């Protein structure tokens, strides 16, 4: 029995217009996007307490946050919490919006 060498959707791209290929690429990229989870009041209060503890005791933290339709993790020490502009700044000058933070782990 012979094996079929099927190239999937690659075989059809030669017959597609560039606009169709761009639309398919955008569709596949949109499909990989993750939704931002909504945190309840208790989770937000817990994150706030961990941030306050970390800044007052100069503890390193690991922060999970939402950015560009994906979840990201960063480690460092908190340099500043700006409540007026609603962001935190780490010691490497990275700024993270307070509403984008999903979890904080003190180390």
C-alpha atoms as a PDB file:
ATOM      1  CA  UNK A   1       0.000   0.000   0.000  1.00  0.00           C
ATOM      2  CA  UNK A   2       1.456   3.367  -0.941  1.00  0.00           C
ATOM      3  CA  UNK A   3       1.519   6.291   1.490  1.00  0.00           C
ATOM      4  CA  UNK A   4      -0.086   9.524   0.394  1.00  0.00           C
ATOM      5  CA  UNK A   5       2.040  12.654   0.789  1.00  0.00           C
ATOM      6  CA  UNK A   6      -0.678  15.163   1.637  1.00  0.00           C
ATOM      7  CA  UNK A   7       0.632  18.665   2.315  1.00  0.00           C
ATOM      8  CA  UNK A   8      -2.610  19.848   3.940  1.00  0.00           C
ATOM      9  CA  UNK A   9      -3.496  23.479   3.313  1.00  0.00           C
ATOM     10  CA  UNK A  10      -0.026  24.221   1.879  1.00  0.00           C
ATOM     11  CA  UNK A  11      -0.990  22.703  -1.476  1.00  0.00           C
ATOM     12  CA  UNK A  12      -3.820  25.224  -1.912  1.00  0.00           C
ATOM     13  CA  UNK A  13      -1.842  28.392  -1.150  1.00  0.00           C
ATOM     14  CA  UNK A  14      -0.345  28.469  -4.648  1.00  0.00           C
ATOM     15  CA  UNK A  15      -3.848  28.990  -6.069  1.00  0.00           C
ATOM     16  CA  UNK A  16      -4.911  31.599  -3.511  1.00  0.00           C
ATOM     17  CA  UNK A  17      -4.724  35.326  -3.810  1.00  0.00           C
ATOM     18  CA  UNK A  18      -2.409  37.115  -1.353  1.00  0.00           C
ATOM     19  CA  UNK A  19      -5.467  38.696   0.277  1.00  0.00           C
ATOM     20  CA  UNK A  20      -6.896  35.254   1.020  1.00  0.00           C
ATOM     21  CA  UNK A  21      -3.626  34.104   2.550  1.00  0.00           C
ATOM     22  CA  UNK A  22      -3.527  37.218   4.759  1.00  0.00           C
ATOM     23  CA  UNK A  23      -7.108  36.593   5.873  1.00  0.00           C
ATOM     24  CA  UNK A  24      -6.321  32.963   6.747  1.00  0.00           C
ATOM     25  CA  UNK A  25      -3.212  33.982   8.684  1.00  0.00           C
ATOM     26  CA  UNK A  26      -5.228  36.587  10.617  1.00  0.00           C
ATOM     27  CA  UNK A  27      -7.930  34.024  11.343  1.00  0.00           C
ATOM     28  CA  UNK A  28      -5.387  31.524  12.702  1.00  0.00           C
ATOM     29  CA  UNK A  29      -3.733  34.232  14.812  1.00  0.00           C
ATOM     30  CA  UNK A  30      -7.105  35.379  16.211  1.00  0.00           C
ATOM     31  CA  UNK A  31      -7.934  31.784  17.091  1.00  0.00           C
ATOM     32  CA  UNK A  32      -4.824  31.572  19.316  1.00  0.00           C
ATOM     33  CA  UNK A  33      -5.799  34.666  21.350  1.00  0.00           C
ATOM     34  CA  UNK A  34      -6.605  34.158  25.013  1.00  0.00           C
ATOM     35  CA  UNK A  35      -9.365  35.977  26.811  1.00  0.00           C
ATOM     36  CA  UNK A  36      -8.593  38.108  29.847  1.00  0.00           C
ATOM     37  CA  UNK A  37     -10.031  36.461  32.956  1.00  0.00           C
ATOM     38  CA  UNK A  38     -12.221  38.555  35.236  1.00  0.00           C
ATOM     39  CA  UNK A  39     -11.061  38.530  38.863  1.00  0.00           C
ATOM     40  CA  UNK A  40     -13.521  38.860  41.725  1.00  0.00           C
ATOM     41  CA  UNK A  41     -13.131  41.288  44.644  1.00  0.00           C
ATOM     42  CA  UNK A  42     -11.486  38.703  46.898  1.00  0.00           C
ATOM     43  CA  UNK A  43      -8.802  37.863  44.327  1.00  0.00           C
ATOM     44  CA  UNK A  44      -8.122  41.565  43.697  1.00  0.00           C
ATOM     45  CA  UNK A  45      -7.773  42.198  47.449  1.00  0.00           C
ATOM     46  CA  UNK A  46      -5.367  39.259  47.791  1.00  0.00           C
ATOM     47  CA  UNK A  47      -3.224  40.598  44.922  1.00  0.00           C
ATOM     48  CA  UNK A  48      -3.237  44.042  46.549  1.00  0.00           C
ATOM     49  CA  UNK A  49      -2.079  42.616  49.904  1.00  0.00           C
ATOM     50  CA  UNK A  50       0.734  40.647  48.242  1.00  0.00           C
ATOM     51  CA  UNK A  51       1.900  43.750  46.349  1.00  0.00           C
ATOM     52  CA  UNK A  52       1.894  45.857  49.529  1.00  0.00           C
ATOM     53  CA  UNK A  53       3.779  43.151  51.449  1.00  0.00           C
ATOM     54  CA  UNK A  54       6.366  42.835  48.671  1.00  0.00           C
ATOM     55  CA  UNK A  55       7.040  46.578  48.397  1.00  0.00           C
ATOM     56  CA  UNK A  56       7.270  47.176  52.166  1.00  0.00           C
ATOM     57  CA  UNK A  57       9.596  44.225  52.799  1.00  0.00           C
ATOM     58  CA  UNK A  58      11.566  44.523  49.517  1.00  0.00           C
ATOM     59  CA  UNK A  59      10.642  40.968  48.501  1.00  0.00           C
ATOM     60  CA  UNK A  60      11.175  39.613  44.988  1.00  0.00           C
ATOM     61  CA  UNK A  61       7.920  38.713  43.260  1.00  0.00           C
ATOM     62  CA  UNK A  62       6.716  36.671  40.333  1.00  0.00           C
ATOM     63  CA  UNK A  63       3.828  38.421  38.583  1.00  0.00           C
ATOM     64  CA  UNK A  64       1.480  36.736  36.131  1.00  0.00           C
ATOM     65  CA  UNK A  65      -0.230  39.321  33.944  1.00  0.00           C
ATOM     66  CA  UNK A  66      -2.280  39.666  30.760  1.00  0.00           C
ATOM     67  CA  UNK A  67      -0.767  41.436  27.768  1.00  0.00           C
ATOM     68  CA  UNK A  68      -1.222  41.229  23.992  1.00  0.00           C
ATOM     69  CA  UNK A  69      -3.948  38.542  24.254  1.00  0.00           C
ATOM     70  CA  UNK A  70      -1.650  36.195  26.207  1.00  0.00           C
ATOM     71  CA  UNK A  71      -0.541  35.433  29.757  1.00  0.00           C
ATOM     72  CA  UNK A  72       2.983  36.493  30.703  1.00  0.00           C
ATOM     73  CA  UNK A  73       5.150  36.003  33.789  1.00  0.00           C
ATOM     74  CA  UNK A  74       7.862  38.351  35.025  1.00  0.00           C
ATOM     75  CA  UNK A  75      10.117  38.274  38.083  1.00  0.00           C
ATOM     76  CA  UNK A  76      11.668  41.173  39.942  1.00  0.00           C
ATOM     77  CA  UNK A  77      11.319  43.586  42.839  1.00  0.00           C
ATOM     78  CA  UNK A  78       8.629  46.217  42.933  1.00  0.00           C
ATOM     79  CA  UNK A  79      10.078  49.700  42.741  1.00  0.00           C
ATOM     80  CA  UNK A  80       6.852  51.714  42.799  1.00  0.00           C
ATOM     81  CA  UNK A  81       3.076  51.359  42.890  1.00  0.00           C
ATOM     82  CA  UNK A  82       1.347  54.291  41.195  1.00  0.00           C
ATOM     83  CA  UNK A  83      -2.321  54.324  42.195  1.00  0.00           C
ATOM     84  CA  UNK A  84      -3.092  57.510  40.247  1.00  0.00           C
ATOM     85  CA  UNK A  85      -2.047  56.035  36.897  1.00  0.00           C
ATOM     86  CA  UNK A  86      -2.849  52.449  38.015  1.00  0.00           C
ATOM     87  CA  UNK A  87       0.417  50.653  37.300  1.00  0.00           C
ATOM     88  CA  UNK A  88       3.354  49.079  39.119  1.00  0.00           C
ATOM     89  CA  UNK A  89       6.964  49.545  38.160  1.00  0.00           C
ATOM     90  CA  UNK A  90       9.600  46.883  38.727  1.00  0.00           C
ATOM     91  CA  UNK A  91      13.272  47.467  39.432  1.00  0.00           C
ATOM     92  CA  UNK A  92      14.078  46.971  35.723  1.00  0.00           C
ATOM     93  CA  UNK A  93      11.605  49.832  34.913  1.00  0.00           C
ATOM     94  CA  UNK A  94       8.987  47.455  33.470  1.00  0.00           C
ATOM     95  CA  UNK A  95       5.485  48.892  33.921  1.00  0.00           C
ATOM     96  CA  UNK A  96       2.455  46.642  34.357  1.00  0.00           C
ATOM     97  CA  UNK A  97      -1.111  47.901  34.600  1.00  0.00           C
ATOM     98  CA  UNK A  98      -2.787  47.054  37.898  1.00  0.00           C
ATOM     99  CA  UNK A  99      -5.880  45.770  36.091  1.00  0.00           C
ATOM    100  CA  UNK A 100      -3.713  43.404  33.990  1.00  0.00           C
ATOM    101  CA  UNK A 101      -2.224  41.566  36.985  1.00  0.00           C
ATOM    102  CA  UNK A 102      -3.651  38.079  37.409  1.00  0.00           C
ATOM    103  CA  UNK A 103      -1.512  36.681  40.236  1.00  0.00           C
ATOM    104  CA  UNK A 104       1.404  37.627  42.477  1.00  0.00           C
ATOM    105  CA  UNK A 105       3.738  35.171  44.195  1.00  0.00           C
ATOM    106  CA  UNK A 106       6.246  36.479  46.724  1.00  0.00           C
ATOM    107  CA  UNK A 107       9.528  34.623  46.834  1.00  0.00           C
END
